[in-house]
Amino acid sequence: MSASYTTYFLVTWTWTCMQAVIPSMLQHAPEPIASQYALQQCSCVIDKFRDVVSEKQLQMLTVEQRKEMGDSFARQCTGLEKDI
């Protein structure tokens, strides 16, 4: 069950994530494909966060905690790590 998040928060988070992911994807694929892949990967990571923490809990995590969780979720979304 996914935690409830505001639409504005989700859209902003997805956009920010995509802007961080797209440059590395452009080294391997043209822009439309890189954008689609970034959207899929960012959505997967965000959904994994939503499965374990609420919006308020997420905002209370330290940068290091968010990074650690996000890195683990990204590995899960790409198949490099099994879901816990």
PDB file of N, CA and C in Angstrom:
ATOM      1  N   MET A   1       0.851  -1.189   0.000  1.00  0.00           N
ATOM      2  CA  MET A   1       0.000   0.000   0.000  1.00  0.00           C
ATOM      3  C   MET A   1       0.888   1.240   0.000  1.00  0.00           C
ATOM      4  N   SER A   2       0.673   2.140  -0.908  1.00  0.00           N
ATOM      5  CA  SER A   2       1.472   3.353  -1.014  1.00  0.00           C
ATOM      6  C   SER A   2       0.920   4.446  -0.112  1.00  0.00           C
ATOM      7  N   ALA A   3       1.850   5.150   0.523  1.00  0.00           N
ATOM      8  CA  ALA A   3       1.472   6.274   1.377  1.00  0.00           C
ATOM      9  C   ALA A   3       0.937   7.409   0.514  1.00  0.00           C
ATOM     10  N   SER A   4       0.081   8.221   1.110  1.00  0.00           N
ATOM     11  CA  SER A   4      -0.493   9.354   0.411  1.00  0.00           C
ATOM     12  C   SER A   4       0.514  10.503   0.335  1.00  0.00           C
ATOM     13  N   TYR A   5       0.696  11.031  -0.845  1.00  0.00           N
ATOM     14  CA  TYR A   5       1.578  12.166  -1.084  1.00  0.00           C
ATOM     15  C   TYR A   5       0.784  13.207  -1.870  1.00  0.00           C
ATOM     16  N   THR A   6       1.090  14.476  -1.677  1.00  0.00           N
ATOM     17  CA  THR A   6       0.411  15.505  -2.449  1.00  0.00           C
ATOM     18  C   THR A   6       0.871  15.440  -3.905  1.00  0.00           C
ATOM     19  N   THR A   7      -0.019  15.799  -4.799  1.00  0.00           N
ATOM     20  CA  THR A   7       0.308  15.778  -6.223  1.00  0.00           C
ATOM     21  C   THR A   7       1.485  16.692  -6.529  1.00  0.00           C
ATOM     22  N   TYR A   8       1.477  17.891  -5.963  1.00  0.00           N
ATOM     23  CA  TYR A   8       2.576  18.835  -6.219  1.00  0.00           C
ATOM     24  C   TYR A   8       3.914  18.224  -5.813  1.00  0.00           C
ATOM     25  N   PHE A   9       3.957  17.584  -4.648  1.00  0.00           N
ATOM     26  CA  PHE A   9       5.188  16.964  -4.166  1.00  0.00           C
ATOM     27  C   PHE A   9       5.652  15.877  -5.134  1.00  0.00           C
ATOM     28  N   LEU A  10       4.724  15.029  -5.583  1.00  0.00           N
ATOM     29  CA  LEU A  10       5.076  13.942  -6.494  1.00  0.00           C
ATOM     30  C   LEU A  10       5.577  14.456  -7.848  1.00  0.00           C
ATOM     31  N   VAL A  11       4.893  15.447  -8.396  1.00  0.00           N
ATOM     32  CA  VAL A  11       5.297  15.993  -9.696  1.00  0.00           C
ATOM     33  C   VAL A  11       6.674  16.649  -9.596  1.00  0.00           C
ATOM     34  N   THR A  12       6.884  17.421  -8.548  1.00  0.00           N
ATOM     35  CA  THR A  12       8.176  18.083  -8.353  1.00  0.00           C
ATOM     36  C   THR A  12       9.290  17.061  -8.161  1.00  0.00           C
ATOM     37  N   TRP A  13       9.031  16.055  -7.354  1.00  0.00           N
ATOM     38  CA  TRP A  13      10.006  15.007  -7.093  1.00  0.00           C
ATOM     39  C   TRP A  13      10.358  14.256  -8.377  1.00  0.00           C
ATOM     40  N   THR A  14       9.341  13.898  -9.152  1.00  0.00           N
ATOM     41  CA  THR A  14       9.573  13.174 -10.402  1.00  0.00           C
ATOM     42  C   THR A  14      10.375  14.021 -11.376  1.00  0.00           C
ATOM     43  N   TRP A  15      10.021  15.278 -11.525  1.00  0.00           N
ATOM     44  CA  TRP A  15      10.728  16.175 -12.440  1.00  0.00           C
ATOM     45  C   TRP A  15      12.190  16.331 -12.018  1.00  0.00           C
ATOM     46  N   THR A  16      12.425  16.552 -10.740  1.00  0.00           N
ATOM     47  CA  THR A  16      13.786  16.726 -10.226  1.00  0.00           C
ATOM     48  C   THR A  16      14.615  15.465 -10.451  1.00  0.00           C
ATOM     49  N   CYS A  17      14.013  14.317 -10.171  1.00  0.00           N
ATOM     50  CA  CYS A  17      14.700  13.045 -10.391  1.00  0.00           C
ATOM     51  C   CYS A  17      15.062  12.874 -11.867  1.00  0.00           C
ATOM     52  N   MET A  18      14.112  13.134 -12.738  1.00  0.00           N
ATOM     53  CA  MET A  18      14.370  12.980 -14.170  1.00  0.00           C
ATOM     54  C   MET A  18      15.506  13.879 -14.636  1.00  0.00           C
ATOM     55  N   GLN A  19      15.550  15.109 -14.146  1.00  0.00           N
ATOM     56  CA  GLN A  19      16.618  16.030 -14.549  1.00  0.00           C
ATOM     57  C   GLN A  19      17.980  15.532 -14.093  1.00  0.00           C
ATOM     58  N   ALA A  20      18.017  14.773 -12.997  1.00  0.00           N
ATOM     59  CA  ALA A  20      19.270  14.207 -12.512  1.00  0.00           C
ATOM     60  C   ALA A  20      19.677  12.962 -13.304  1.00  0.00           C
ATOM     61  N   VAL A  21      18.703  12.196 -13.786  1.00  0.00           N
ATOM     62  CA  VAL A  21      18.979  10.920 -14.454  1.00  0.00           C
ATOM     63  C   VAL A  21      19.231  11.081 -15.952  1.00  0.00           C
ATOM     64  N   ILE A  22      18.531  11.971 -16.600  1.00  0.00           N
ATOM     65  CA  ILE A  22      18.595  12.094 -18.064  1.00  0.00           C
ATOM     66  C   ILE A  22      20.021  12.304 -18.591  1.00  0.00           C
ATOM     67  N   PRO A  23      20.840  13.169 -18.004  1.00  0.00           N
ATOM     68  CA  PRO A  23      22.187  13.356 -18.585  1.00  0.00           C
ATOM     69  C   PRO A  23      22.990  12.061 -18.722  1.00  0.00           C
ATOM     70  N   SER A  24      22.937  11.186 -17.732  1.00  0.00           N
ATOM     71  CA  SER A  24      23.696   9.934 -17.850  1.00  0.00           C
ATOM     72  C   SER A  24      23.067   9.010 -18.891  1.00  0.00           C
ATOM     73  N   MET A  25      21.758   9.077 -19.046  1.00  0.00           N
ATOM     74  CA  MET A  25      21.074   8.242 -20.039  1.00  0.00           C
ATOM     75  C   MET A  25      21.370   8.703 -21.462  1.00  0.00           C
ATOM     76  N   LEU A  26      21.616  10.006 -21.636  1.00  0.00           N
ATOM     77  CA  LEU A  26      21.886  10.534 -22.980  1.00  0.00           C
ATOM     78  C   LEU A  26      23.194  10.004 -23.557  1.00  0.00           C
ATOM     79  N   GLN A  27      24.043   9.451 -22.708  1.00  0.00           N
ATOM     80  CA  GLN A  27      25.289   8.851 -23.195  1.00  0.00           C
ATOM     81  C   GLN A  27      25.017   7.540 -23.921  1.00  0.00           C
ATOM     82  N   HIS A  28      23.829   6.954 -23.697  1.00  0.00           N
ATOM     83  CA  HIS A  28      23.513   5.641 -24.237  1.00  0.00           C
ATOM     84  C   HIS A  28      22.296   5.610 -25.154  1.00  0.00           C
ATOM     85  N   ALA A  29      21.500   6.676 -25.146  1.00  0.00           N
ATOM     86  CA  ALA A  29      20.256   6.646 -25.916  1.00  0.00           C
ATOM     87  C   ALA A  29      19.863   8.055 -26.336  1.00  0.00           C
ATOM     88  N   PRO A  30      19.089   8.185 -27.422  1.00  0.00           N
ATOM     89  CA  PRO A  30      18.586   9.505 -27.826  1.00  0.00           C
ATOM     90  C   PRO A  30      17.616  10.058 -26.782  1.00  0.00           C
ATOM     91  N   GLU A  31      17.393  11.346 -26.829  1.00  0.00           N
ATOM     92  CA  GLU A  31      16.624  12.053 -25.800  1.00  0.00           C
ATOM     93  C   GLU A  31      15.248  11.451 -25.508  1.00  0.00           C
ATOM     94  N   PRO A  32      14.428  11.130 -26.505  1.00  0.00           N
ATOM     95  CA  PRO A  32      13.105  10.591 -26.160  1.00  0.00           C
ATOM     96  C   PRO A  32      13.189   9.277 -25.373  1.00  0.00           C
ATOM     97  N   ILE A  33      14.121   8.432 -25.734  1.00  0.00           N
ATOM     98  CA  ILE A  33      14.281   7.156 -25.026  1.00  0.00           C
ATOM     99  C   ILE A  33      14.871   7.398 -23.642  1.00  0.00           C
ATOM    100  N   ALA A  34      15.853   8.291 -23.558  1.00  0.00           N
ATOM    101  CA  ALA A  34      16.451   8.614 -22.263  1.00  0.00           C
ATOM    102  C   ALA A  34      15.412   9.200 -21.310  1.00  0.00           C
ATOM    103  N   SER A  35      14.563  10.064 -21.816  1.00  0.00           N
ATOM    104  CA  SER A  35      13.515  10.667 -20.982  1.00  0.00           C
ATOM    105  C   SER A  35      12.524   9.621 -20.495  1.00  0.00           C
ATOM    106  N   GLN A  36      12.114   8.722 -21.376  1.00  0.00           N
ATOM    107  CA  GLN A  36      11.166   7.673 -20.994  1.00  0.00           C
ATOM    108  C   GLN A  36      11.774   6.747 -19.950  1.00  0.00           C
ATOM    109  N   TYR A  37      13.034   6.367 -20.145  1.00  0.00           N
ATOM    110  CA  TYR A  37      13.705   5.493 -19.183  1.00  0.00           C
ATOM    111  C   TYR A  37      13.824   6.199 -17.834  1.00  0.00           C
ATOM    112  N   ALA A  38      14.204   7.476 -17.850  1.00  0.00           N
ATOM    113  CA  ALA A  38      14.328   8.236 -16.609  1.00  0.00           C
ATOM    114  C   ALA A  38      12.986   8.303 -15.881  1.00  0.00           C
ATOM    115  N   LEU A  39      11.907   8.542 -16.631  1.00  0.00           N
ATOM    116  CA  LEU A  39      10.578   8.600 -16.025  1.00  0.00           C
ATOM    117  C   LEU A  39      10.219   7.260 -15.370  1.00  0.00           C
ATOM    118  N   GLN A  40      10.495   6.171 -16.061  1.00  0.00           N
ATOM    119  CA  GLN A  40      10.191   4.844 -15.510  1.00  0.00           C
ATOM    120  C   GLN A  40      11.005   4.568 -14.253  1.00  0.00           C
ATOM    121  N   GLN A  41      12.297   4.860 -14.297  1.00  0.00           N
ATOM    122  CA  GLN A  41      13.158   4.579 -13.145  1.00  0.00           C
ATOM    123  C   GLN A  41      12.816   5.476 -11.960  1.00  0.00           C
ATOM    124  N   CYS A  42      12.595   6.755 -12.213  1.00  0.00           N
ATOM    125  CA  CYS A  42      12.240   7.669 -11.138  1.00  0.00           C
ATOM    126  C   CYS A  42      10.900   7.288 -10.516  1.00  0.00           C
ATOM    127  N   SER A  43       9.943   6.915 -11.345  1.00  0.00           N
ATOM    128  CA  SER A  43       8.634   6.501 -10.826  1.00  0.00           C
ATOM    129  C   SER A  43       8.760   5.265  -9.951  1.00  0.00           C
ATOM    130  N   CYS A  44       9.577   4.330 -10.354  1.00  0.00           N
ATOM    131  CA  CYS A  44       9.789   3.113  -9.578  1.00  0.00           C
ATOM    132  C   CYS A  44      10.388   3.447  -8.213  1.00  0.00           C
ATOM    133  N   VAL A  45      11.427   4.268  -8.200  1.00  0.00           N
ATOM    134  CA  VAL A  45      12.074   4.645  -6.931  1.00  0.00           C
ATOM    135  C   VAL A  45      11.089   5.386  -6.029  1.00  0.00           C
ATOM    136  N   ILE A  46      10.344   6.306  -6.589  1.00  0.00           N
ATOM    137  CA  ILE A  46       9.365   7.072  -5.804  1.00  0.00           C
ATOM    138  C   ILE A  46       8.299   6.143  -5.237  1.00  0.00           C
ATOM    139  N   ASP A  47       7.823   5.189  -6.034  1.00  0.00           N
ATOM    140  CA  ASP A  47       6.837   4.238  -5.532  1.00  0.00           C
ATOM    141  C   ASP A  47       7.404   3.410  -4.383  1.00  0.00           C
ATOM    142  N   LYS A  48       8.675   3.056  -4.455  1.00  0.00           N
ATOM    143  CA  LYS A  48       9.288   2.280  -3.369  1.00  0.00           C
ATOM    144  C   LYS A  48       9.353   3.125  -2.088  1.00  0.00           C
ATOM    145  N   PHE A  49       9.692   4.406  -2.220  1.00  0.00           N
ATOM    146  CA  PHE A  49       9.654   5.287  -1.048  1.00  0.00           C
ATOM    147  C   PHE A  49       8.247   5.330  -0.479  1.00  0.00           C
ATOM    148  N   ARG A  50       7.253   5.477  -1.350  1.00  0.00           N
ATOM    149  CA  ARG A  50       5.860   5.593  -0.908  1.00  0.00           C
ATOM    150  C   ARG A  50       5.386   4.332  -0.196  1.00  0.00           C
ATOM    151  N   ASP A  51       5.994   3.193  -0.518  1.00  0.00           N
ATOM    152  CA  ASP A  51       5.633   1.941   0.142  1.00  0.00           C
ATOM    153  C   ASP A  51       6.098   1.887   1.592  1.00  0.00           C
ATOM    154  N   VAL A  52       7.111   2.690   1.945  1.00  0.00           N
ATOM    155  CA  VAL A  52       7.689   2.558   3.288  1.00  0.00           C
ATOM    156  C   VAL A  52       7.599   3.804   4.165  1.00  0.00           C
ATOM    157  N   VAL A  53       7.447   4.982   3.564  1.00  0.00           N
ATOM    158  CA  VAL A  53       7.374   6.203   4.377  1.00  0.00           C
ATOM    159  C   VAL A  53       6.319   7.159   3.845  1.00  0.00           C
ATOM    160  N   SER A  54       5.733   7.922   4.746  1.00  0.00           N
ATOM    161  CA  SER A  54       4.780   8.951   4.355  1.00  0.00           C
ATOM    162  C   SER A  54       5.552  10.182   3.866  1.00  0.00           C
ATOM    163  N   GLU A  55       4.839  11.113   3.268  1.00  0.00           N
ATOM    164  CA  GLU A  55       5.470  12.359   2.806  1.00  0.00           C
ATOM    165  C   GLU A  55       6.133  13.079   3.975  1.00  0.00           C
ATOM    166  N   LYS A  56       5.439  13.164   5.094  1.00  0.00           N
ATOM    167  CA  LYS A  56       5.989  13.852   6.268  1.00  0.00           C
ATOM    168  C   LYS A  56       7.230  13.137   6.800  1.00  0.00           C
ATOM    169  N   GLN A  57       7.176  11.801   6.872  1.00  0.00           N
ATOM    170  CA  GLN A  57       8.342  11.037   7.329  1.00  0.00           C
ATOM    171  C   GLN A  57       9.521  11.235   6.384  1.00  0.00           C
ATOM    172  N   LEU A  58       9.245  11.252   5.092  1.00  0.00           N
ATOM    173  CA  LEU A  58      10.306  11.449   4.109  1.00  0.00           C
ATOM    174  C   LEU A  58      10.991  12.791   4.324  1.00  0.00           C
ATOM    175  N   GLN A  59      10.208  13.827   4.557  1.00  0.00           N
ATOM    176  CA  GLN A  59      10.768  15.165   4.738  1.00  0.00           C
ATOM    177  C   GLN A  59      11.599  15.262   6.016  1.00  0.00           C
ATOM    178  N   MET A  60      11.373  14.344   6.957  1.00  0.00           N
ATOM    179  CA  MET A  60      12.127  14.371   8.212  1.00  0.00           C
ATOM    180  C   MET A  60      13.433  13.570   8.133  1.00  0.00           C
ATOM    181  N   LEU A  61      13.611  12.781   7.081  1.00  0.00           N
ATOM    182  CA  LEU A  61      14.844  12.020   6.911  1.00  0.00           C
ATOM    183  C   LEU A  61      15.999  12.957   6.585  1.00  0.00           C
ATOM    184  N   THR A  62      17.200  12.576   6.995  1.00  0.00           N
ATOM    185  CA  THR A  62      18.387  13.357   6.633  1.00  0.00           C
ATOM    186  C   THR A  62      18.704  13.133   5.157  1.00  0.00           C
ATOM    187  N   VAL A  63      19.521  13.983   4.596  1.00  0.00           N
ATOM    188  CA  VAL A  63      19.945  13.830   3.207  1.00  0.00           C
ATOM    189  C   VAL A  63      20.625  12.468   3.033  1.00  0.00           C
ATOM    190  N   GLU A  64      21.437  12.092   3.998  1.00  0.00           N
ATOM    191  CA  GLU A  64      22.149  10.816   3.927  1.00  0.00           C
ATOM    192  C   GLU A  64      21.175   9.636   3.944  1.00  0.00           C
ATOM    193  N   GLN A  65      20.146   9.707   4.792  1.00  0.00           N
ATOM    194  CA  GLN A  65      19.152   8.633   4.850  1.00  0.00           C
ATOM    195  C   GLN A  65      18.387   8.519   3.542  1.00  0.00           C
ATOM    196  N   ARG A  66      17.985   9.663   2.980  1.00  0.00           N
ATOM    197  CA  ARG A  66      17.260   9.644   1.706  1.00  0.00           C
ATOM    198  C   ARG A  66      18.137   9.083   0.596  1.00  0.00           C
ATOM    199  N   LYS A  67      19.414   9.472   0.595  1.00  0.00           N
ATOM    200  CA  LYS A  67      20.336   8.982  -0.431  1.00  0.00           C
ATOM    201  C   LYS A  67      20.533   7.478  -0.309  1.00  0.00           C
ATOM    202  N   GLU A  68      20.729   6.992   0.904  1.00  0.00           N
ATOM    203  CA  GLU A  68      20.926   5.558   1.116  1.00  0.00           C
ATOM    204  C   GLU A  68      19.698   4.766   0.658  1.00  0.00           C
ATOM    205  N   MET A  69      18.519   5.224   1.054  1.00  0.00           N
ATOM    206  CA  MET A  69      17.291   4.548   0.639  1.00  0.00           C
ATOM    207  C   MET A  69      17.109   4.642  -0.873  1.00  0.00           C
ATOM    208  N   GLY A  70      17.314   5.825  -1.429  1.00  0.00           N
ATOM    209  CA  GLY A  70      17.148   6.023  -2.864  1.00  0.00           C
ATOM    210  C   GLY A  70      18.096   5.163  -3.675  1.00  0.00           C
ATOM    211  N   ASP A  71      19.351   5.056  -3.233  1.00  0.00           N
ATOM    212  CA  ASP A  71      20.319   4.211  -3.944  1.00  0.00           C
ATOM    213  C   ASP A  71      19.889   2.745  -3.916  1.00  0.00           C
ATOM    214  N   SER A  72      19.422   2.293  -2.755  1.00  0.00           N
ATOM    215  CA  SER A  72      18.955   0.911  -2.638  1.00  0.00           C
ATOM    216  C   SER A  72      17.738   0.679  -3.535  1.00  0.00           C
ATOM    217  N   PHE A  73      16.792   1.602  -3.507  1.00  0.00           N
ATOM    218  CA  PHE A  73      15.602   1.472  -4.349  1.00  0.00           C
ATOM    219  C   PHE A  73      15.967   1.494  -5.830  1.00  0.00           C
ATOM    220  N   ALA A  74      16.921   2.330  -6.204  1.00  0.00           N
ATOM    221  CA  ALA A  74      17.343   2.401  -7.607  1.00  0.00           C
ATOM    222  C   ALA A  74      17.937   1.066  -8.046  1.00  0.00           C
ATOM    223  N   ARG A  75      18.732   0.440  -7.173  1.00  0.00           N
ATOM    224  CA  ARG A  75      19.291  -0.871  -7.507  1.00  0.00           C
ATOM    225  C   ARG A  75      18.174  -1.909  -7.643  1.00  0.00           C
ATOM    226  N   GLN A  76      17.149  -1.809  -6.793  1.00  0.00           N
ATOM    227  CA  GLN A  76      16.012  -2.726  -6.897  1.00  0.00           C
ATOM    228  C   GLN A  76      15.266  -2.505  -8.215  1.00  0.00           C
ATOM    229  N   CYS A  77      15.065  -1.254  -8.570  1.00  0.00           N
ATOM    230  CA  CYS A  77      14.317  -0.937  -9.789  1.00  0.00           C
ATOM    231  C   CYS A  77      15.039  -1.373 -11.050  1.00  0.00           C
ATOM    232  N   THR A  78      16.362  -1.417 -11.008  1.00  0.00           N
ATOM    233  CA  THR A  78      17.135  -1.851 -12.176  1.00  0.00           C
ATOM    234  C   THR A  78      17.448  -3.336 -12.132  1.00  0.00           C
ATOM    235  N   GLY A  79      17.015  -4.015 -11.041  1.00  0.00           N
ATOM    236  CA  GLY A  79      17.237  -5.448 -10.931  1.00  0.00           C
ATOM    237  C   GLY A  79      18.590  -5.835 -10.364  1.00  0.00           C
ATOM    238  N   LEU A  80      19.363  -4.856  -9.904  1.00  0.00           N
ATOM    239  CA  LEU A  80      20.681  -5.146  -9.343  1.00  0.00           C
ATOM    240  C   LEU A  80      20.625  -5.606  -7.894  1.00  0.00           C
ATOM    241  N   GLU A  81      19.473  -5.429  -7.267  1.00  0.00           N
ATOM    242  CA  GLU A  81      19.290  -5.797  -5.852  1.00  0.00           C
ATOM    243  C   GLU A  81      17.865  -6.312  -5.686  1.00  0.00           C
ATOM    244  N   LYS A  82      17.705  -7.340  -4.900  1.00  0.00           N
ATOM    245  CA  LYS A  82      16.378  -7.892  -4.640  1.00  0.00           C
ATOM    246  C   LYS A  82      15.616  -6.989  -3.682  1.00  0.00           C
ATOM    247  N   ASP A  83      14.286  -6.923  -3.838  1.00  0.00           N
ATOM    248  CA  ASP A  83      13.435  -6.207  -2.892  1.00  0.00           C
ATOM    249  C   ASP A  83      13.593  -6.840  -1.524  1.00  0.00           C
ATOM    250  N   ILE A  84      13.618  -5.979  -0.520  1.00  0.00           N
ATOM    251  CA  ILE A  84      13.742  -6.464   0.856  1.00  0.00           C
ATOM    252  C   ILE A  84      12.384  -6.635   1.469  1.00  0.00           C
TER     253      ILE A  84
END
